């Protein structure tokens, strides 16, 4: 292979790696911090139980859930680009229990936003 071909191939591999990393960005760590990611899956809170509430998974490992059906969540589709912003972190949680973080998420395809926690129960709960 010639040198230019190898350089172009390496540049393309590097670009692909950067794009993959951007989509798999970590969750926001501080209140007010936001990250860009994509919807991985939209589902019911309870598997195979329509009307049990909304649940949504993100490519970056994020998750939000509600006991209610949230039309803004239900309108989302896998692959939709979203911005997730951390709006609150519960205090006084047992060590290692980080449940109950609330995120404000905006779906860039639909223009709709919602604020939900990352778990059905707050830290220290069931």
N, C-alpha and C. Protein backbone atom coordinates (compact mmCIF):
# COMPACT_ATOMS: atom_id res chain seq x y z
N UNK A 1 0.84 -1.19 0.00
CA UNK A 1 0.00 0.00 0.00
C UNK A 1 0.88 1.24 0.00
N UNK A 2 0.37 2.26 -0.66
CA UNK A 2 1.18 3.47 -0.67
C UNK A 2 0.93 4.29 0.59
N UNK A 3 1.84 5.18 0.83
CA UNK A 3 1.83 5.98 2.06
C UNK A 3 0.58 6.86 2.18
N UNK A 4 0.14 7.49 1.10
CA UNK A 4 -1.04 8.36 1.15
C UNK A 4 -2.30 7.56 1.49
N UNK A 5 -2.40 6.39 0.93
CA UNK A 5 -3.55 5.54 1.22
C UNK A 5 -3.59 5.20 2.70
N UNK A 6 -2.46 4.84 3.27
CA UNK A 6 -2.39 4.51 4.70
C UNK A 6 -2.72 5.71 5.56
N UNK A 7 -2.24 6.89 5.18
CA UNK A 7 -2.54 8.10 5.94
C UNK A 7 -4.04 8.40 5.91
N UNK A 8 -4.64 8.27 4.74
CA UNK A 8 -6.08 8.52 4.62
C UNK A 8 -6.87 7.50 5.44
N UNK A 9 -6.45 6.25 5.39
CA UNK A 9 -7.11 5.20 6.15
C UNK A 9 -7.01 5.47 7.65
N UNK A 10 -5.84 5.86 8.12
CA UNK A 10 -5.65 6.16 9.54
C UNK A 10 -6.50 7.36 9.97
N UNK A 11 -6.58 8.38 9.11
CA UNK A 11 -7.40 9.55 9.42
C UNK A 11 -8.87 9.16 9.53
N UNK A 12 -9.33 8.31 8.63
CA UNK A 12 -10.71 7.85 8.65
C UNK A 12 -11.00 7.04 9.91
N UNK A 13 -10.10 6.17 10.28
CA UNK A 13 -10.25 5.38 11.51
C UNK A 13 -10.29 6.30 12.73
N UNK A 14 -9.43 7.30 12.76
CA UNK A 14 -9.41 8.25 13.87
C UNK A 14 -10.71 9.03 13.97
N UNK A 15 -11.24 9.46 12.82
CA UNK A 15 -12.51 10.19 12.81
C UNK A 15 -13.64 9.31 13.31
N UNK A 16 -13.68 8.07 12.86
CA UNK A 16 -14.72 7.14 13.31
C UNK A 16 -14.63 6.92 14.82
N UNK A 17 -13.43 6.81 15.34
CA UNK A 17 -13.25 6.63 16.79
C UNK A 17 -13.75 7.84 17.56
N UNK A 18 -13.45 9.04 17.05
CA UNK A 18 -13.90 10.27 17.72
C UNK A 18 -15.42 10.37 17.71
N UNK A 19 -16.05 10.04 16.59
CA UNK A 19 -17.50 10.10 16.52
C UNK A 19 -18.13 9.10 17.46
N UNK A 20 -17.58 7.91 17.55
CA UNK A 20 -18.08 6.91 18.48
C UNK A 20 -17.95 7.36 19.91
N UNK A 21 -16.85 7.99 20.25
CA UNK A 21 -16.63 8.49 21.60
C UNK A 21 -17.60 9.61 21.93
N UNK A 22 -17.87 10.48 20.96
CA UNK A 22 -18.80 11.58 21.20
C UNK A 22 -20.19 11.05 21.51
N UNK A 23 -20.63 10.01 20.80
CA UNK A 23 -21.94 9.44 21.04
C UNK A 23 -22.00 8.70 22.37
N UNK A 24 -20.88 8.18 22.81
CA UNK A 24 -20.84 7.41 24.05
C UNK A 24 -20.29 8.26 25.20
N UNK A 25 -20.54 9.57 25.12
CA UNK A 25 -20.05 10.47 26.17
C UNK A 25 -20.62 10.04 27.52
N UNK A 26 -19.88 10.30 28.56
CA UNK A 26 -20.36 9.98 29.91
C UNK A 26 -21.56 10.85 30.25
N UNK A 27 -22.24 10.47 31.30
CA UNK A 27 -23.35 11.27 31.80
C UNK A 27 -22.82 12.54 32.43
N UNK A 28 -23.64 13.59 32.47
CA UNK A 28 -23.22 14.81 33.16
C UNK A 28 -22.94 14.50 34.63
N UNK A 29 -21.92 15.12 35.19
CA UNK A 29 -21.53 14.85 36.58
C UNK A 29 -21.93 15.96 37.54
N UNK A 30 -22.04 17.19 37.03
CA UNK A 30 -22.37 18.34 37.88
C UNK A 30 -23.70 18.95 37.46
N UNK A 31 -24.46 19.44 38.41
CA UNK A 31 -25.71 20.12 38.10
C UNK A 31 -25.42 21.26 37.12
N UNK A 32 -26.21 21.32 36.07
CA UNK A 32 -26.03 22.33 35.04
C UNK A 32 -25.21 21.85 33.85
N UNK A 33 -24.49 20.75 34.02
CA UNK A 33 -23.68 20.20 32.93
C UNK A 33 -24.59 19.42 31.98
N UNK A 34 -24.29 19.51 30.67
CA UNK A 34 -25.07 18.81 29.65
C UNK A 34 -24.15 17.99 28.75
N UNK A 35 -24.70 16.93 28.18
CA UNK A 35 -23.98 16.12 27.20
C UNK A 35 -24.91 15.84 26.03
N UNK A 36 -24.31 15.60 24.89
CA UNK A 36 -25.05 15.20 23.69
C UNK A 36 -24.96 13.68 23.58
N UNK A 37 -26.08 13.04 23.27
CA UNK A 37 -26.10 11.60 23.05
C UNK A 37 -27.25 11.28 22.11
N UNK A 38 -27.60 10.02 22.01
CA UNK A 38 -28.70 9.59 21.15
C UNK A 38 -29.58 8.60 21.90
N UNK A 39 -30.84 8.54 21.49
CA UNK A 39 -31.77 7.57 22.07
C UNK A 39 -31.37 6.17 21.61
N UNK A 40 -31.31 5.26 22.55
CA UNK A 40 -31.03 3.86 22.24
C UNK A 40 -32.33 3.07 22.11
N UNK A 41 -33.24 3.26 23.10
CA UNK A 41 -34.50 2.52 23.11
C UNK A 41 -35.57 3.29 23.87
N UNK A 42 -36.80 3.22 23.40
CA UNK A 42 -37.96 3.77 24.10
C UNK A 42 -38.86 2.59 24.43
N UNK A 43 -39.30 2.51 25.70
CA UNK A 43 -40.05 1.34 26.12
C UNK A 43 -41.08 1.72 27.19
N UNK A 44 -41.85 0.72 27.60
CA UNK A 44 -42.72 0.87 28.76
C UNK A 44 -41.87 0.65 30.01
N UNK A 45 -42.31 1.25 31.12
CA UNK A 45 -41.57 1.08 32.38
C UNK A 45 -41.47 -0.40 32.74
N UNK A 46 -42.57 -1.11 32.60
CA UNK A 46 -42.58 -2.56 32.83
C UNK A 46 -42.64 -3.26 31.48
N UNK A 47 -41.73 -4.18 31.25
CA UNK A 47 -41.66 -4.88 29.97
C UNK A 47 -42.99 -5.54 29.62
N UNK A 48 -43.42 -5.34 28.38
CA UNK A 48 -44.66 -5.92 27.85
C UNK A 48 -45.90 -5.49 28.63
N UNK A 49 -45.86 -4.30 29.26
CA UNK A 49 -47.01 -3.80 30.00
C UNK A 49 -47.32 -2.37 29.56
N UNK A 50 -48.07 -2.22 28.46
CA UNK A 50 -48.43 -0.88 27.99
C UNK A 50 -49.17 -0.11 29.08
N UNK A 51 -48.89 1.19 29.15
CA UNK A 51 -49.54 2.04 30.14
C UNK A 51 -48.88 2.02 31.50
N UNK A 52 -47.78 1.28 31.66
CA UNK A 52 -47.11 1.18 32.97
C UNK A 52 -46.14 2.32 33.22
N UNK A 53 -46.04 3.24 32.27
CA UNK A 53 -45.11 4.35 32.40
C UNK A 53 -44.10 4.33 31.26
N UNK A 54 -43.37 5.41 31.14
CA UNK A 54 -42.38 5.56 30.07
C UNK A 54 -40.98 5.27 30.59
N UNK A 55 -40.17 4.69 29.71
CA UNK A 55 -38.76 4.45 30.01
C UNK A 55 -37.97 4.72 28.73
N UNK A 56 -36.77 5.26 28.90
CA UNK A 56 -35.94 5.58 27.75
C UNK A 56 -34.47 5.33 28.09
N UNK A 57 -33.78 4.65 27.19
CA UNK A 57 -32.34 4.37 27.33
C UNK A 57 -31.59 5.20 26.31
N UNK A 58 -30.37 5.59 26.68
CA UNK A 58 -29.53 6.40 25.80
C UNK A 58 -28.22 5.67 25.50
N UNK A 59 -27.62 6.03 24.38
CA UNK A 59 -26.37 5.41 23.93
C UNK A 59 -25.26 5.60 24.97
N UNK A 60 -25.28 6.71 25.71
CA UNK A 60 -24.22 6.98 26.68
C UNK A 60 -24.41 6.25 28.00
N UNK A 61 -25.39 5.36 28.08
CA UNK A 61 -25.64 4.61 29.30
C UNK A 61 -26.69 5.25 30.19
N UNK A 62 -27.17 6.42 29.82
CA UNK A 62 -28.20 7.08 30.61
C UNK A 62 -29.55 6.38 30.49
N UNK A 63 -30.41 6.63 31.48
CA UNK A 63 -31.73 6.01 31.53
C UNK A 63 -32.64 6.95 32.30
N UNK A 64 -33.88 7.06 31.85
CA UNK A 64 -34.89 7.83 32.57
C UNK A 64 -36.17 7.02 32.60
N UNK A 65 -36.94 7.21 33.67
CA UNK A 65 -38.15 6.40 33.85
C UNK A 65 -39.22 7.19 34.59
N UNK A 66 -40.48 6.87 34.29
CA UNK A 66 -41.61 7.49 34.97
C UNK A 66 -42.72 6.46 35.16
N UNK A 67 -43.47 6.58 36.25
CA UNK A 67 -44.65 5.75 36.45
C UNK A 67 -45.79 6.20 35.53
N UNK A 68 -45.70 7.40 35.01
CA UNK A 68 -46.70 7.94 34.08
C UNK A 68 -46.21 7.79 32.65
N UNK A 69 -47.16 7.77 31.71
CA UNK A 69 -46.79 7.84 30.30
C UNK A 69 -46.43 9.29 30.01
N UNK A 70 -45.25 9.51 29.49
CA UNK A 70 -44.77 10.86 29.18
C UNK A 70 -44.77 10.99 27.66
N UNK A 71 -45.72 11.74 27.09
CA UNK A 71 -45.83 11.83 25.63
C UNK A 71 -44.54 12.25 24.94
N UNK A 72 -43.78 13.14 25.57
CA UNK A 72 -42.53 13.61 24.97
C UNK A 72 -41.50 12.48 24.86
N UNK A 73 -41.47 11.61 25.86
CA UNK A 73 -40.58 10.44 25.81
C UNK A 73 -41.10 9.45 24.77
N UNK A 74 -42.40 9.18 24.82
CA UNK A 74 -42.99 8.19 23.92
C UNK A 74 -42.87 8.59 22.45
N UNK A 75 -42.73 9.89 22.16
CA UNK A 75 -42.58 10.37 20.78
C UNK A 75 -41.15 10.20 20.27
N UNK A 76 -40.23 9.86 21.15
CA UNK A 76 -38.82 9.69 20.75
C UNK A 76 -38.64 8.36 20.03
N UNK A 77 -37.58 8.32 19.21
CA UNK A 77 -37.26 7.11 18.44
C UNK A 77 -35.78 6.78 18.60
N UNK A 78 -35.43 5.51 18.48
CA UNK A 78 -34.00 5.16 18.51
C UNK A 78 -33.23 5.96 17.46
N UNK A 79 -32.08 6.47 17.87
CA UNK A 79 -31.24 7.26 16.99
C UNK A 79 -31.46 8.75 17.09
N UNK A 80 -32.55 9.18 17.73
CA UNK A 80 -32.79 10.62 17.87
C UNK A 80 -31.66 11.27 18.66
N UNK A 81 -31.16 12.42 18.19
CA UNK A 81 -30.15 13.15 18.96
C UNK A 81 -30.82 13.89 20.12
N UNK A 82 -30.20 13.85 21.28
CA UNK A 82 -30.73 14.52 22.46
C UNK A 82 -29.62 15.23 23.22
N UNK A 83 -30.03 16.21 24.01
CA UNK A 83 -29.14 16.85 24.99
C UNK A 83 -29.68 16.48 26.36
N UNK A 84 -28.81 15.93 27.21
CA UNK A 84 -29.16 15.56 28.59
C UNK A 84 -28.44 16.49 29.54
N UNK A 85 -29.20 17.17 30.40
CA UNK A 85 -28.61 18.08 31.38
C UNK A 85 -28.98 17.61 32.79
N UNK A 86 -27.99 17.53 33.65
CA UNK A 86 -28.23 17.14 35.04
C UNK A 86 -28.82 18.33 35.78
N UNK A 87 -30.01 18.13 36.39
CA UNK A 87 -30.67 19.23 37.09
C UNK A 87 -30.66 19.07 38.61
N UNK A 88 -30.52 17.83 39.10
CA UNK A 88 -30.44 17.67 40.56
C UNK A 88 -29.80 16.33 40.92
N UNK A 89 -29.14 16.34 42.08
CA UNK A 89 -28.51 15.15 42.64
C UNK A 89 -29.03 15.02 44.07
N UNK A 90 -29.60 13.86 44.44
CA UNK A 90 -30.10 13.73 45.81
C UNK A 90 -28.96 13.77 46.82
N UNK A 91 -29.27 14.22 48.02
CA UNK A 91 -28.27 14.31 49.09
C UNK A 91 -28.53 13.25 50.15
N UNK A 92 -27.48 12.94 50.90
CA UNK A 92 -27.61 12.00 52.01
C UNK A 92 -27.81 10.56 51.58
N UNK A 93 -27.30 10.21 50.42
CA UNK A 93 -27.46 8.85 49.90
C UNK A 93 -26.45 7.90 50.54
N UNK A 94 -26.83 6.63 50.70
CA UNK A 94 -25.86 5.65 51.18
C UNK A 94 -24.69 5.54 50.20
N UNK A 95 -23.50 5.22 50.68
CA UNK A 95 -22.35 5.09 49.79
C UNK A 95 -22.64 4.11 48.65
N UNK A 96 -22.32 4.53 47.43
CA UNK A 96 -22.49 3.69 46.26
C UNK A 96 -23.88 3.72 45.64
N UNK A 97 -24.85 4.33 46.31
CA UNK A 97 -26.22 4.40 45.78
C UNK A 97 -26.42 5.77 45.14
N UNK A 98 -26.35 5.82 43.82
CA UNK A 98 -26.43 7.10 43.12
C UNK A 98 -27.76 7.30 42.41
N UNK A 99 -28.77 6.50 42.75
CA UNK A 99 -30.07 6.63 42.11
C UNK A 99 -30.74 7.95 42.46
N UNK A 100 -31.63 8.38 41.57
CA UNK A 100 -32.43 9.56 41.85
C UNK A 100 -31.93 10.83 41.20
N UNK A 101 -30.90 10.75 40.40
CA UNK A 101 -30.45 11.94 39.67
C UNK A 101 -31.51 12.30 38.64
N UNK A 102 -31.80 13.59 38.54
CA UNK A 102 -32.82 14.05 37.59
C UNK A 102 -32.13 14.76 36.43
N UNK A 103 -32.60 14.43 35.23
CA UNK A 103 -32.04 15.00 34.01
C UNK A 103 -33.14 15.69 33.22
N UNK A 104 -32.82 16.83 32.66
CA UNK A 104 -33.68 17.52 31.70
C UNK A 104 -33.16 17.13 30.33
N UNK A 105 -33.99 16.46 29.55
CA UNK A 105 -33.57 15.95 28.24
C UNK A 105 -34.38 16.63 27.16
N UNK A 106 -33.70 17.06 26.11
CA UNK A 106 -34.36 17.67 24.96
C UNK A 106 -34.07 16.84 23.72
N UNK A 107 -35.13 16.38 23.08
CA UNK A 107 -35.01 15.63 21.83
C UNK A 107 -34.87 16.64 20.70
N UNK A 108 -33.76 16.60 20.01
CA UNK A 108 -33.50 17.59 18.97
C UNK A 108 -34.31 17.35 17.69
N UNK A 109 -34.82 16.14 17.50
CA UNK A 109 -35.67 15.89 16.34
C UNK A 109 -37.07 16.45 16.57
N UNK A 110 -37.64 16.17 17.76
CA UNK A 110 -39.01 16.60 18.04
C UNK A 110 -39.08 18.00 18.64
N UNK A 111 -37.98 18.46 19.24
CA UNK A 111 -37.98 19.74 19.93
C UNK A 111 -38.62 19.68 21.30
N UNK A 112 -39.02 18.50 21.74
CA UNK A 112 -39.70 18.34 23.03
C UNK A 112 -38.70 18.03 24.14
N UNK A 113 -39.05 18.44 25.36
CA UNK A 113 -38.19 18.22 26.53
C UNK A 113 -38.98 17.58 27.65
N UNK A 114 -38.26 16.92 28.57
CA UNK A 114 -38.85 16.32 29.76
C UNK A 114 -37.79 16.27 30.85
N UNK A 115 -38.25 16.21 32.09
CA UNK A 115 -37.36 16.08 33.24
C UNK A 115 -37.81 14.86 34.03
N UNK A 116 -36.89 13.88 34.14
CA UNK A 116 -37.21 12.63 34.84
C UNK A 116 -35.98 12.12 35.58
N UNK A 117 -36.19 11.27 36.58
CA UNK A 117 -35.07 10.65 37.29
C UNK A 117 -34.51 9.46 36.51
N UNK A 118 -33.37 8.98 36.99
CA UNK A 118 -32.69 7.85 36.36
C UNK A 118 -33.09 6.50 36.98
N UNK A 119 -34.05 6.51 37.90
CA UNK A 119 -34.47 5.28 38.57
C UNK A 119 -35.90 5.45 39.08
N UNK A 120 -36.57 4.34 39.30
CA UNK A 120 -37.93 4.38 39.83
C UNK A 120 -37.96 4.81 41.30
N UNK A 121 -36.87 4.54 42.02
CA UNK A 121 -36.79 4.88 43.45
C UNK A 121 -35.57 5.75 43.70
N UNK A 122 -35.70 6.65 44.65
CA UNK A 122 -34.58 7.51 45.03
C UNK A 122 -33.54 6.67 45.79
N UNK A 123 -32.36 7.22 45.93
CA UNK A 123 -31.31 6.52 46.67
C UNK A 123 -31.82 6.19 48.07
N UNK A 124 -31.39 5.05 48.57
CA UNK A 124 -31.81 4.61 49.89
C UNK A 124 -33.17 3.96 49.90
N UNK A 125 -33.89 4.00 48.76
CA UNK A 125 -35.24 3.42 48.68
C UNK A 125 -35.20 1.95 48.29
N UNK A 126 -36.36 1.46 47.88
CA UNK A 126 -36.52 0.04 47.52
C UNK A 126 -35.52 -0.42 46.48
